[in-house]
Amino acid sequence: MVLSNKPLPKPAAWKNTYFWISGVLLLLAIVGIVGGDPVIRDPGQRKESGLWLIYLGASVVMLVNGVLSHRQTVQHYNEILDKQN
């Protein structure tokens, strides 16, 4: 059931927030590699080594979430187009 006659916008990966978060976490990991853990440590956070690895791991997780989310959005878009034709 289509409520509007407007064409459905094609999904764009750059609009997916997971990719943006992944990019920011990757930048933080790179800054942590270059400047060391104290540069990316939050105020009051417990001191631990390898903090950049946590950010890098989180970046990978968010990237996987983005890929899965975008694939699902594209699949849904294609299903709606098939129903309209």
N, C-alpha and C. Protein backbone atom coordinates (compact mmCIF):
# COMPACT_ATOMS: atom_id res chain seq x y z
N MET A 1 0.84 -1.18 0.00
CA MET A 1 0.00 0.00 0.00
C MET A 1 0.89 1.24 0.00
N VAL A 2 0.74 2.06 -1.01
CA VAL A 2 1.53 3.27 -1.14
C VAL A 2 0.65 4.46 -0.77
N LEU A 3 1.13 5.28 0.15
CA LEU A 3 0.35 6.41 0.61
C LEU A 3 0.63 7.68 -0.18
N SER A 4 1.69 7.66 -0.95
CA SER A 4 2.09 8.86 -1.66
C SER A 4 2.50 8.50 -3.08
N ASN A 5 2.37 9.46 -3.98
CA ASN A 5 2.79 9.25 -5.35
C ASN A 5 4.23 9.69 -5.58
N LYS A 6 4.88 10.19 -4.54
CA LYS A 6 6.26 10.61 -4.66
C LYS A 6 7.15 9.40 -4.92
N PRO A 7 8.18 9.57 -5.76
CA PRO A 7 9.10 8.45 -5.95
C PRO A 7 9.91 8.18 -4.69
N LEU A 8 10.13 6.92 -4.42
CA LEU A 8 10.88 6.52 -3.24
C LEU A 8 12.36 6.86 -3.44
N PRO A 9 12.97 7.60 -2.51
CA PRO A 9 14.39 7.95 -2.69
C PRO A 9 15.27 6.70 -2.58
N LYS A 10 16.27 6.63 -3.44
CA LYS A 10 17.20 5.51 -3.43
C LYS A 10 18.07 5.58 -2.18
N PRO A 11 18.28 4.45 -1.50
CA PRO A 11 19.12 4.46 -0.29
C PRO A 11 20.55 4.91 -0.60
N ALA A 12 21.09 5.74 0.26
CA ALA A 12 22.46 6.23 0.10
C ALA A 12 23.27 5.83 1.33
N ALA A 13 24.40 5.19 1.11
CA ALA A 13 25.23 4.72 2.22
C ALA A 13 25.73 5.87 3.08
N TRP A 14 25.99 7.02 2.48
CA TRP A 14 26.55 8.14 3.26
C TRP A 14 25.55 8.69 4.27
N LYS A 15 24.28 8.34 4.14
CA LYS A 15 23.28 8.80 5.11
C LYS A 15 23.19 7.89 6.34
N ASN A 16 23.86 6.75 6.29
CA ASN A 16 23.80 5.79 7.37
C ASN A 16 24.73 6.23 8.51
N THR A 17 24.16 6.48 9.66
CA THR A 17 24.91 6.99 10.81
C THR A 17 25.98 6.02 11.28
N TYR A 18 25.77 4.72 11.12
CA TYR A 18 26.77 3.75 11.55
C TYR A 18 28.12 3.99 10.86
N PHE A 19 28.08 4.36 9.57
CA PHE A 19 29.33 4.62 8.85
C PHE A 19 30.03 5.87 9.40
N TRP A 20 29.26 6.88 9.74
CA TRP A 20 29.84 8.10 10.29
C TRP A 20 30.49 7.83 11.65
N ILE A 21 29.79 7.08 12.50
CA ILE A 21 30.34 6.75 13.82
C ILE A 21 31.60 5.91 13.67
N SER A 22 31.58 4.96 12.73
CA SER A 22 32.75 4.13 12.47
C SER A 22 33.94 5.00 12.06
N GLY A 23 33.70 5.98 11.21
CA GLY A 23 34.77 6.87 10.77
C GLY A 23 35.35 7.68 11.91
N VAL A 24 34.50 8.19 12.77
CA VAL A 24 34.98 8.98 13.93
C VAL A 24 35.80 8.09 14.86
N LEU A 25 35.32 6.88 15.12
CA LEU A 25 36.07 5.97 15.98
C LEU A 25 37.41 5.59 15.36
N LEU A 26 37.45 5.43 14.04
CA LEU A 26 38.70 5.14 13.37
C LEU A 26 39.68 6.31 13.51
N LEU A 27 39.17 7.53 13.35
CA LEU A 27 40.03 8.71 13.55
C LEU A 27 40.58 8.76 14.97
N LEU A 28 39.74 8.45 15.95
CA LEU A 28 40.20 8.44 17.34
C LEU A 28 41.27 7.37 17.55
N ALA A 29 41.10 6.22 16.91
CA ALA A 29 42.11 5.15 17.02
C ALA A 29 43.43 5.61 16.42
N ILE A 30 43.37 6.28 15.27
CA ILE A 30 44.59 6.77 14.63
C ILE A 30 45.27 7.83 15.51
N VAL A 31 44.49 8.73 16.08
CA VAL A 31 45.04 9.74 16.98
C VAL A 31 45.69 9.05 18.19
N GLY A 32 45.06 7.99 18.67
CA GLY A 32 45.62 7.24 19.80
C GLY A 32 46.92 6.55 19.45
N ILE A 33 47.03 6.06 18.21
CA ILE A 33 48.28 5.42 17.78
C ILE A 33 49.40 6.46 17.71
N VAL A 34 49.08 7.61 17.11
CA VAL A 34 50.09 8.65 16.91
C VAL A 34 50.46 9.35 18.22
N GLY A 35 49.44 9.75 18.99
CA GLY A 35 49.70 10.55 20.19
C GLY A 35 49.76 9.78 21.48
N GLY A 36 49.39 8.52 21.46
CA GLY A 36 49.40 7.73 22.68
C GLY A 36 48.04 7.73 23.37
N ASP A 37 47.90 6.82 24.30
CA ASP A 37 46.63 6.66 25.01
C ASP A 37 46.16 7.90 25.79
N PRO A 38 47.06 8.66 26.41
CA PRO A 38 46.59 9.83 27.17
C PRO A 38 45.83 10.85 26.31
N VAL A 39 46.11 10.88 25.01
CA VAL A 39 45.45 11.85 24.14
C VAL A 39 43.96 11.53 23.97
N ILE A 40 43.61 10.26 23.96
CA ILE A 40 42.21 9.88 23.71
C ILE A 40 41.49 9.41 24.97
N ARG A 41 42.17 9.40 26.09
CA ARG A 41 41.54 8.96 27.34
C ARG A 41 40.56 10.02 27.84
N ASP A 42 39.40 9.59 28.25
CA ASP A 42 38.42 10.51 28.82
C ASP A 42 38.87 10.97 30.21
N PRO A 43 38.47 12.18 30.62
CA PRO A 43 38.82 12.64 31.97
C PRO A 43 38.22 11.70 33.02
N GLY A 44 39.03 11.28 33.94
CA GLY A 44 38.57 10.39 35.01
C GLY A 44 38.55 8.93 34.63
N GLN A 45 38.87 8.62 33.38
CA GLN A 45 38.86 7.23 32.94
C GLN A 45 40.07 6.50 33.52
N ARG A 46 39.88 5.24 33.84
CA ARG A 46 40.96 4.42 34.38
C ARG A 46 42.07 4.31 33.34
N LYS A 47 43.32 4.39 33.80
CA LYS A 47 44.45 4.30 32.89
C LYS A 47 44.66 2.84 32.49
N GLU A 48 44.67 2.62 31.17
CA GLU A 48 44.95 1.29 30.65
C GLU A 48 45.67 1.44 29.32
N SER A 49 46.46 0.46 28.99
CA SER A 49 47.21 0.54 27.74
C SER A 49 46.39 -0.07 26.61
N GLY A 50 46.72 0.33 25.39
CA GLY A 50 46.02 -0.23 24.23
C GLY A 50 44.61 0.32 24.04
N LEU A 51 44.38 1.51 24.55
CA LEU A 51 43.05 2.10 24.42
C LEU A 51 42.66 2.29 22.96
N TRP A 52 43.65 2.56 22.10
CA TRP A 52 43.37 2.75 20.67
C TRP A 52 42.81 1.47 20.05
N LEU A 53 43.20 0.30 20.60
CA LEU A 53 42.66 -0.97 20.09
C LEU A 53 41.16 -1.08 20.35
N ILE A 54 40.72 -0.56 21.48
CA ILE A 54 39.29 -0.58 21.80
C ILE A 54 38.53 0.28 20.80
N TYR A 55 39.08 1.46 20.51
CA TYR A 55 38.43 2.33 19.53
C TYR A 55 38.44 1.71 18.14
N LEU A 56 39.53 1.05 17.79
CA LEU A 56 39.61 0.40 16.49
C LEU A 56 38.60 -0.75 16.40
N GLY A 57 38.49 -1.53 17.45
CA GLY A 57 37.50 -2.61 17.49
C GLY A 57 36.09 -2.08 17.39
N ALA A 58 35.81 -1.00 18.11
CA ALA A 58 34.48 -0.39 18.04
C ALA A 58 34.19 0.14 16.64
N SER A 59 35.21 0.65 15.98
CA SER A 59 35.05 1.14 14.61
C SER A 59 34.66 0.00 13.67
N VAL A 60 35.31 -1.14 13.83
CA VAL A 60 34.99 -2.30 13.00
C VAL A 60 33.56 -2.78 13.26
N VAL A 61 33.18 -2.82 14.53
CA VAL A 61 31.81 -3.25 14.87
C VAL A 61 30.78 -2.31 14.24
N MET A 62 31.02 -1.01 14.33
CA MET A 62 30.08 -0.06 13.74
C MET A 62 30.07 -0.15 12.22
N LEU A 63 31.20 -0.45 11.61
CA LEU A 63 31.26 -0.64 10.17
C LEU A 63 30.43 -1.85 9.75
N VAL A 64 30.55 -2.94 10.48
CA VAL A 64 29.74 -4.13 10.19
C VAL A 64 28.26 -3.81 10.35
N ASN A 65 27.91 -3.09 11.42
CA ASN A 65 26.52 -2.67 11.60
C ASN A 65 26.03 -1.84 10.42
N GLY A 66 26.88 -0.94 9.94
CA GLY A 66 26.51 -0.10 8.80
C GLY A 66 26.28 -0.91 7.54
N VAL A 67 27.17 -1.87 7.28
CA VAL A 67 27.01 -2.70 6.08
C VAL A 67 25.72 -3.51 6.17
N LEU A 68 25.47 -4.13 7.31
CA LEU A 68 24.25 -4.92 7.46
C LEU A 68 23.00 -4.05 7.34
N SER A 69 23.04 -2.90 7.97
CA SER A 69 21.90 -1.98 7.93
C SER A 69 21.65 -1.49 6.51
N HIS A 70 22.72 -1.13 5.79
CA HIS A 70 22.55 -0.62 4.43
C HIS A 70 22.03 -1.72 3.51
N ARG A 71 22.54 -2.93 3.66
CA ARG A 71 22.05 -4.05 2.83
C ARG A 71 20.56 -4.27 3.06
N GLN A 72 20.13 -4.21 4.31
CA GLN A 72 18.72 -4.42 4.62
C GLN A 72 17.87 -3.29 4.03
N THR A 73 18.37 -2.07 4.08
CA THR A 73 17.64 -0.94 3.52
C THR A 73 17.51 -1.08 2.00
N VAL A 74 18.59 -1.49 1.34
CA VAL A 74 18.55 -1.69 -0.11
C VAL A 74 17.59 -2.81 -0.48
N GLN A 75 17.61 -3.88 0.31
CA GLN A 75 16.70 -5.00 0.05
C GLN A 75 15.25 -4.54 0.19
N HIS A 76 14.95 -3.79 1.22
CA HIS A 76 13.59 -3.28 1.42
C HIS A 76 13.19 -2.35 0.28
N TYR A 77 14.11 -1.50 -0.15
CA TYR A 77 13.86 -0.59 -1.26
C TYR A 77 13.52 -1.38 -2.53
N ASN A 78 14.31 -2.42 -2.81
CA ASN A 78 14.06 -3.24 -4.00
C ASN A 78 12.73 -3.98 -3.92
N GLU A 79 12.36 -4.44 -2.73
CA GLU A 79 11.08 -5.12 -2.57
C GLU A 79 9.91 -4.16 -2.84
N ILE A 80 10.04 -2.94 -2.36
CA ILE A 80 8.97 -1.97 -2.59
C ILE A 80 8.88 -1.63 -4.07
N LEU A 81 10.02 -1.48 -4.74
CA LEU A 81 10.00 -1.20 -6.18
C LEU A 81 9.37 -2.36 -6.96
N ASP A 82 9.66 -3.59 -6.54
CA ASP A 82 9.07 -4.75 -7.21
C ASP A 82 7.55 -4.77 -7.05
N LYS A 83 7.07 -4.38 -5.88
CA LYS A 83 5.62 -4.35 -5.63
C LYS A 83 4.94 -3.27 -6.45
N GLN A 84 5.66 -2.17 -6.68
CA GLN A 84 5.06 -1.06 -7.43
C GLN A 84 5.00 -1.37 -8.92
N ASN A 85 5.86 -2.23 -9.41
CA ASN A 85 5.88 -2.54 -10.85
C ASN A 85 5.03 -3.71 -11.19
